[in-house]
Amino acid sequence: MSKYISIFFLTVLVSIILFFLFSFVFMAGGNPAEEAVYTIGAIIIILLSFLVSQFYYLIDLIKKKL
């Protein structure tokens, strides 16, 4: 179970790094909607990281049954 938790945190870390890297490149202005984009982006990152870790769990579960 700790394998999937580490996969989750690894994907969160990599996604957040890429999110901020690309946001600094593409959002150079002082737009007030920038905070909303960061908030929504962070929520999406966490949800997608959870899905990635669940996919790894399902793949391992299917491998054990076969």
PDB file of N, CA and C in Angstrom:
ATOM      1  N   MET A   1       0.819  -1.191   0.000  1.00  0.00           N
ATOM      2  CA  MET A   1       0.000   0.000   0.000  1.00  0.00           C
ATOM      3  C   MET A   1       0.868   1.261   0.000  1.00  0.00           C
ATOM      4  N   SER A   2       2.008   1.204   0.612  1.00  0.00           N
ATOM      5  CA  SER A   2       2.884   2.379   0.636  1.00  0.00           C
ATOM      6  C   SER A   2       3.430   2.698  -0.758  1.00  0.00           C
ATOM      7  N   LYS A   3       3.476   1.682  -1.612  1.00  0.00           N
ATOM      8  CA  LYS A   3       3.925   1.896  -2.990  1.00  0.00           C
ATOM      9  C   LYS A   3       2.991   2.867  -3.700  1.00  0.00           C
ATOM     10  N   TYR A   4       1.699   2.713  -3.498  1.00  0.00           N
ATOM     11  CA  TYR A   4       0.719   3.560  -4.174  1.00  0.00           C
ATOM     12  C   TYR A   4       0.684   4.961  -3.572  1.00  0.00           C
ATOM     13  N   ILE A   5       0.937   5.068  -2.295  1.00  0.00           N
ATOM     14  CA  ILE A   5       1.010   6.381  -1.662  1.00  0.00           C
ATOM     15  C   ILE A   5       2.220   7.145  -2.188  1.00  0.00           C
ATOM     16  N   SER A   6       3.336   6.446  -2.338  1.00  0.00           N
ATOM     17  CA  SER A   6       4.522   7.114  -2.879  1.00  0.00           C
ATOM     18  C   SER A   6       4.316   7.490  -4.342  1.00  0.00           C
ATOM     19  N   ILE A   7       3.611   6.667  -5.110  1.00  0.00           N
ATOM     20  CA  ILE A   7       3.300   7.014  -6.495  1.00  0.00           C
ATOM     21  C   ILE A   7       2.425   8.259  -6.527  1.00  0.00           C
ATOM     22  N   PHE A   8       1.451   8.337  -5.625  1.00  0.00           N
ATOM     23  CA  PHE A   8       0.574   9.496  -5.558  1.00  0.00           C
ATOM     24  C   PHE A   8       1.368  10.773  -5.284  1.00  0.00           C
ATOM     25  N   PHE A   9       2.221  10.741  -4.262  1.00  0.00           N
ATOM     26  CA  PHE A   9       2.974  11.949  -3.916  1.00  0.00           C
ATOM     27  C   PHE A   9       4.011  12.301  -4.982  1.00  0.00           C
ATOM     28  N   LEU A  10       4.573  11.301  -5.635  1.00  0.00           N
ATOM     29  CA  LEU A  10       5.517  11.573  -6.721  1.00  0.00           C
ATOM     30  C   LEU A  10       4.822  12.258  -7.885  1.00  0.00           C
ATOM     31  N   THR A  11       3.636  11.773  -8.261  1.00  0.00           N
ATOM     32  CA  THR A  11       2.916  12.411  -9.358  1.00  0.00           C
ATOM     33  C   THR A  11       2.434  13.812  -8.978  1.00  0.00           C
ATOM     34  N   VAL A  12       2.053  14.007  -7.718  1.00  0.00           N
ATOM     35  CA  VAL A  12       1.665  15.351  -7.270  1.00  0.00           C
ATOM     36  C   VAL A  12       2.859  16.294  -7.368  1.00  0.00           C
ATOM     37  N   LEU A  13       4.012  15.860  -6.896  1.00  0.00           N
ATOM     38  CA  LEU A  13       5.199  16.709  -6.915  1.00  0.00           C
ATOM     39  C   LEU A  13       5.609  17.069  -8.337  1.00  0.00           C
ATOM     40  N   VAL A  14       5.673  16.086  -9.204  1.00  0.00           N
ATOM     41  CA  VAL A  14       6.076  16.341 -10.592  1.00  0.00           C
ATOM     42  C   VAL A  14       5.049  17.230 -11.294  1.00  0.00           C
ATOM     43  N   SER A  15       3.770  16.983 -11.047  1.00  0.00           N
ATOM     44  CA  SER A  15       2.731  17.783 -11.685  1.00  0.00           C
ATOM     45  C   SER A  15       2.756  19.230 -11.218  1.00  0.00           C
ATOM     46  N   ILE A  16       2.968  19.446  -9.930  1.00  0.00           N
ATOM     47  CA  ILE A  16       3.018  20.810  -9.413  1.00  0.00           C
ATOM     48  C   ILE A  16       4.228  21.556  -9.975  1.00  0.00           C
ATOM     49  N   ILE A  17       5.350  20.878 -10.060  1.00  0.00           N
ATOM     50  CA  ILE A  17       6.535  21.506 -10.642  1.00  0.00           C
ATOM     51  C   ILE A  17       6.280  21.897 -12.093  1.00  0.00           C
ATOM     52  N   LEU A  18       5.700  20.988 -12.866  1.00  0.00           N
ATOM     53  CA  LEU A  18       5.405  21.296 -14.271  1.00  0.00           C
ATOM     54  C   LEU A  18       4.337  22.378 -14.396  1.00  0.00           C
ATOM     55  N   PHE A  19       3.345  22.356 -13.498  1.00  0.00           N
ATOM     56  CA  PHE A  19       2.289  23.367 -13.531  1.00  0.00           C
ATOM     57  C   PHE A  19       2.856  24.762 -13.318  1.00  0.00           C
ATOM     58  N   PHE A  20       3.698  24.922 -12.301  1.00  0.00           N
ATOM     59  CA  PHE A  20       4.264  26.236 -12.042  1.00  0.00           C
ATOM     60  C   PHE A  20       5.281  26.642 -13.107  1.00  0.00           C
ATOM     61  N   LEU A  21       6.014  25.678 -13.641  1.00  0.00           N
ATOM     62  CA  LEU A  21       6.969  25.980 -14.695  1.00  0.00           C
ATOM     63  C   LEU A  21       6.255  26.514 -15.930  1.00  0.00           C
ATOM     64  N   PHE A  22       5.210  25.820 -16.366  1.00  0.00           N
ATOM     65  CA  PHE A  22       4.480  26.257 -17.547  1.00  0.00           C
ATOM     66  C   PHE A  22       3.648  27.511 -17.277  1.00  0.00           C
ATOM     67  N   SER A  23       3.160  27.669 -16.064  1.00  0.00           N
ATOM     68  CA  SER A  23       2.361  28.864 -15.780  1.00  0.00           C
ATOM     69  C   SER A  23       3.229  30.117 -15.789  1.00  0.00           C
ATOM     70  N   PHE A  24       4.479  30.022 -15.341  1.00  0.00           N
ATOM     71  CA  PHE A  24       5.364  31.178 -15.385  1.00  0.00           C
ATOM     72  C   PHE A  24       5.751  31.518 -16.827  1.00  0.00           C
ATOM     73  N   VAL A  25       5.804  30.512 -17.686  1.00  0.00           N
ATOM     74  CA  VAL A  25       6.156  30.751 -19.082  1.00  0.00           C
ATOM     75  C   VAL A  25       4.987  31.391 -19.829  1.00  0.00           C
ATOM     76  N   PHE A  26       3.771  30.849 -19.623  1.00  0.00           N
ATOM     77  CA  PHE A  26       2.632  31.304 -20.402  1.00  0.00           C
ATOM     78  C   PHE A  26       1.884  32.485 -19.791  1.00  0.00           C
ATOM     79  N   MET A  27       2.001  32.713 -18.480  1.00  0.00           N
ATOM     80  CA  MET A  27       1.256  33.786 -17.824  1.00  0.00           C
ATOM     81  C   MET A  27       2.229  34.836 -17.295  1.00  0.00           C
ATOM     82  N   ALA A  28       2.666  35.717 -18.156  1.00  0.00           N
ATOM     83  CA  ALA A  28       3.641  36.723 -17.756  1.00  0.00           C
ATOM     84  C   ALA A  28       2.980  37.988 -17.229  1.00  0.00           C
ATOM     85  N   GLY A  29       1.678  38.147 -17.429  1.00  0.00           N
ATOM     86  CA  GLY A  29       0.993  39.368 -17.018  1.00  0.00           C
ATOM     87  C   GLY A  29       0.486  39.290 -15.585  1.00  0.00           C
ATOM     88  N   GLY A  30      -0.031  40.413 -15.075  1.00  0.00           N
ATOM     89  CA  GLY A  30      -0.573  40.469 -13.729  1.00  0.00           C
ATOM     90  C   GLY A  30      -2.086  40.349 -13.736  1.00  0.00           C
ATOM     91  N   ASN A  31      -2.601  39.336 -14.364  1.00  0.00           N
ATOM     92  CA  ASN A  31      -4.038  39.125 -14.500  1.00  0.00           C
ATOM     93  C   ASN A  31      -4.642  38.706 -13.166  1.00  0.00           C
ATOM     94  N   PRO A  32      -5.766  39.309 -12.740  1.00  0.00           N
ATOM     95  CA  PRO A  32      -6.380  38.908 -11.467  1.00  0.00           C
ATOM     96  C   PRO A  32      -6.965  37.500 -11.504  1.00  0.00           C
ATOM     97  N   ALA A  33      -7.218  36.970 -12.668  1.00  0.00           N
ATOM     98  CA  ALA A  33      -7.739  35.610 -12.775  1.00  0.00           C
ATOM     99  C   ALA A  33      -6.639  34.574 -12.571  1.00  0.00           C
ATOM    100  N   GLU A  34      -5.415  35.039 -12.398  1.00  0.00           N
ATOM    101  CA  GLU A  34      -4.281  34.128 -12.242  1.00  0.00           C
ATOM    102  C   GLU A  34      -4.422  33.268 -10.986  1.00  0.00           C
ATOM    103  N   GLU A  35      -4.922  33.855  -9.909  1.00  0.00           N
ATOM    104  CA  GLU A  35      -5.105  33.088  -8.671  1.00  0.00           C
ATOM    105  C   GLU A  35      -6.145  31.996  -8.854  1.00  0.00           C
ATOM    106  N   ALA A  36      -7.201  32.295  -9.592  1.00  0.00           N
ATOM    107  CA  ALA A  36      -8.227  31.291  -9.853  1.00  0.00           C
ATOM    108  C   ALA A  36      -7.665  30.152 -10.690  1.00  0.00           C
ATOM    109  N   VAL A  37      -6.820  30.490 -11.639  1.00  0.00           N
ATOM    110  CA  VAL A  37      -6.213  29.458 -12.481  1.00  0.00           C
ATOM    111  C   VAL A  37      -5.297  28.574 -11.644  1.00  0.00           C
ATOM    112  N   TYR A  38      -4.533  29.167 -10.731  1.00  0.00           N
ATOM    113  CA  TYR A  38      -3.675  28.376  -9.851  1.00  0.00           C
ATOM    114  C   TYR A  38      -4.495  27.452  -8.951  1.00  0.00           C
ATOM    115  N   THR A  39      -5.597  27.962  -8.428  1.00  0.00           N
ATOM    116  CA  THR A  39      -6.429  27.146  -7.542  1.00  0.00           C
ATOM    117  C   THR A  39      -7.051  25.978  -8.291  1.00  0.00           C
ATOM    118  N   ILE A  40      -7.646  26.260  -9.422  1.00  0.00           N
ATOM    119  CA  ILE A  40      -8.268  25.197 -10.219  1.00  0.00           C
ATOM    120  C   ILE A  40      -7.217  24.218 -10.725  1.00  0.00           C
ATOM    121  N   GLY A  41      -6.067  24.732 -11.118  1.00  0.00           N
ATOM    122  CA  GLY A  41      -4.983  23.861 -11.576  1.00  0.00           C
ATOM    123  C   GLY A  41      -4.479  22.939 -10.476  1.00  0.00           C
ATOM    124  N   ALA A  42      -4.364  23.456  -9.263  1.00  0.00           N
ATOM    125  CA  ALA A  42      -3.915  22.627  -8.142  1.00  0.00           C
ATOM    126  C   ALA A  42      -4.931  21.538  -7.831  1.00  0.00           C
ATOM    127  N   ILE A  43      -6.208  21.868  -7.890  1.00  0.00           N
ATOM    128  CA  ILE A  43      -7.252  20.861  -7.654  1.00  0.00           C
ATOM    129  C   ILE A  43      -7.197  19.781  -8.720  1.00  0.00           C
ATOM    130  N   ILE A  44      -7.032  20.175  -9.962  1.00  0.00           N
ATOM    131  CA  ILE A  44      -6.954  19.204 -11.057  1.00  0.00           C
ATOM    132  C   ILE A  44      -5.724  18.314 -10.897  1.00  0.00           C
ATOM    133  N   ILE A  45      -4.610  18.902 -10.486  1.00  0.00           N
ATOM    134  CA  ILE A  45      -3.389  18.126 -10.285  1.00  0.00           C
ATOM    135  C   ILE A  45      -3.589  17.059  -9.222  1.00  0.00           C
ATOM    136  N   ILE A  46      -4.196  17.420  -8.117  1.00  0.00           N
ATOM    137  CA  ILE A  46      -4.406  16.456  -7.031  1.00  0.00           C
ATOM    138  C   ILE A  46      -5.357  15.348  -7.473  1.00  0.00           C
ATOM    139  N   LEU A  47      -6.431  15.701  -8.150  1.00  0.00           N
ATOM    140  CA  LEU A  47      -7.374  14.679  -8.599  1.00  0.00           C
ATOM    141  C   LEU A  47      -6.757  13.747  -9.638  1.00  0.00           C
ATOM    142  N   LEU A  48      -6.012  14.286 -10.577  1.00  0.00           N
ATOM    143  CA  LEU A  48      -5.382  13.433 -11.586  1.00  0.00           C
ATOM    144  C   LEU A  48      -4.283  12.556 -10.987  1.00  0.00           C
ATOM    145  N   SER A  49      -3.582  13.062  -9.995  1.00  0.00           N
ATOM    146  CA  SER A  49      -2.571  12.242  -9.327  1.00  0.00           C
ATOM    147  C   SER A  49      -3.217  11.080  -8.583  1.00  0.00           C
ATOM    148  N   PHE A  50      -4.367  11.342  -7.984  1.00  0.00           N
ATOM    149  CA  PHE A  50      -5.112  10.257  -7.340  1.00  0.00           C
ATOM    150  C   PHE A  50      -5.531   9.211  -8.361  1.00  0.00           C
ATOM    151  N   LEU A  51      -5.970   9.654  -9.539  1.00  0.00           N
ATOM    152  CA  LEU A  51      -6.354   8.705 -10.580  1.00  0.00           C
ATOM    153  C   LEU A  51      -5.167   7.880 -11.069  1.00  0.00           C
ATOM    154  N   VAL A  52      -4.017   8.496 -11.196  1.00  0.00           N
ATOM    155  CA  VAL A  52      -2.823   7.760 -11.632  1.00  0.00           C
ATOM    156  C   VAL A  52      -2.467   6.676 -10.628  1.00  0.00           C
ATOM    157  N   SER A  53      -2.504   7.005  -9.350  1.00  0.00           N
ATOM    158  CA  SER A  53      -2.175   6.000  -8.340  1.00  0.00           C
ATOM    159  C   SER A  53      -3.225   4.891  -8.313  1.00  0.00           C
ATOM    160  N   GLN A  54      -4.485   5.220  -8.562  1.00  0.00           N
ATOM    161  CA  GLN A  54      -5.521   4.189  -8.628  1.00  0.00           C
ATOM    162  C   GLN A  54      -5.341   3.289  -9.842  1.00  0.00           C
ATOM    163  N   PHE A  55      -4.896   3.846 -10.952  1.00  0.00           N
ATOM    164  CA  PHE A  55      -4.621   3.020 -12.129  1.00  0.00           C
ATOM    165  C   PHE A  55      -3.491   2.033 -11.861  1.00  0.00           C
ATOM    166  N   TYR A  56      -2.447   2.475 -11.166  1.00  0.00           N
ATOM    167  CA  TYR A  56      -1.369   1.558 -10.802  1.00  0.00           C
ATOM    168  C   TYR A  56      -1.888   0.443  -9.905  1.00  0.00           C
ATOM    169  N   TYR A  57      -2.763   0.795  -8.982  1.00  0.00           N
ATOM    170  CA  TYR A  57      -3.349  -0.214  -8.095  1.00  0.00           C
ATOM    171  C   TYR A  57      -4.173  -1.221  -8.888  1.00  0.00           C
ATOM    172  N   LEU A  58      -4.986  -0.737  -9.829  1.00  0.00           N
ATOM    173  CA  LEU A  58      -5.802  -1.638 -10.635  1.00  0.00           C
ATOM    174  C   LEU A  58      -4.957  -2.527 -11.533  1.00  0.00           C
ATOM    175  N   ILE A  59      -3.898  -1.988 -12.089  1.00  0.00           N
ATOM    176  CA  ILE A  59      -3.011  -2.791 -12.935  1.00  0.00           C
ATOM    177  C   ILE A  59      -2.370  -3.901 -12.124  1.00  0.00           C
ATOM    178  N   ASP A  60      -1.897  -3.585 -10.927  1.00  0.00           N
ATOM    179  CA  ASP A  60      -1.301  -4.616 -10.073  1.00  0.00           C
ATOM    180  C   ASP A  60      -2.337  -5.640  -9.633  1.00  0.00           C
ATOM    181  N   LEU A  61      -3.556  -5.198  -9.388  1.00  0.00           N
ATOM    182  CA  LEU A  61      -4.621  -6.101  -8.988  1.00  0.00           C
ATOM    183  C   LEU A  61      -4.969  -7.081 -10.104  1.00  0.00           C
ATOM    184  N   ILE A  62      -5.007  -6.586 -11.327  1.00  0.00           N
ATOM    185  CA  ILE A  62      -5.296  -7.434 -12.476  1.00  0.00           C
ATOM    186  C   ILE A  62      -4.140  -8.403 -12.723  1.00  0.00           C
ATOM    187  N   LYS A  63      -2.891  -7.954 -12.560  1.00  0.00           N
ATOM    188  CA  LYS A  63      -1.745  -8.842 -12.739  1.00  0.00           C
ATOM    189  C   LYS A  63      -1.758  -9.984 -11.726  1.00  0.00           C
ATOM    190  N   LYS A  64      -2.166  -9.703 -10.516  1.00  0.00           N
ATOM    191  CA  LYS A  64      -2.207 -10.748  -9.481  1.00  0.00           C
ATOM    192  C   LYS A  64      -3.292 -11.786  -9.768  1.00  0.00           C
ATOM    193  N   LYS A  65      -4.376 -11.369 -10.384  1.00  0.00           N
ATOM    194  CA  LYS A  65      -5.453 -12.308 -10.690  1.00  0.00           C
ATOM    195  C   LYS A  65      -5.146 -13.163 -11.903  1.00  0.00           C
ATOM    196  N   LEU A  66      -4.272 -12.677 -12.779  1.00  0.00           N
ATOM    197  CA  LEU A  66      -3.923 -13.458 -13.981  1.00  0.00           C
ATOM    198  C   LEU A  66      -2.725 -14.261 -13.676  1.00  0.00           C
TER     199      LEU A  66
END
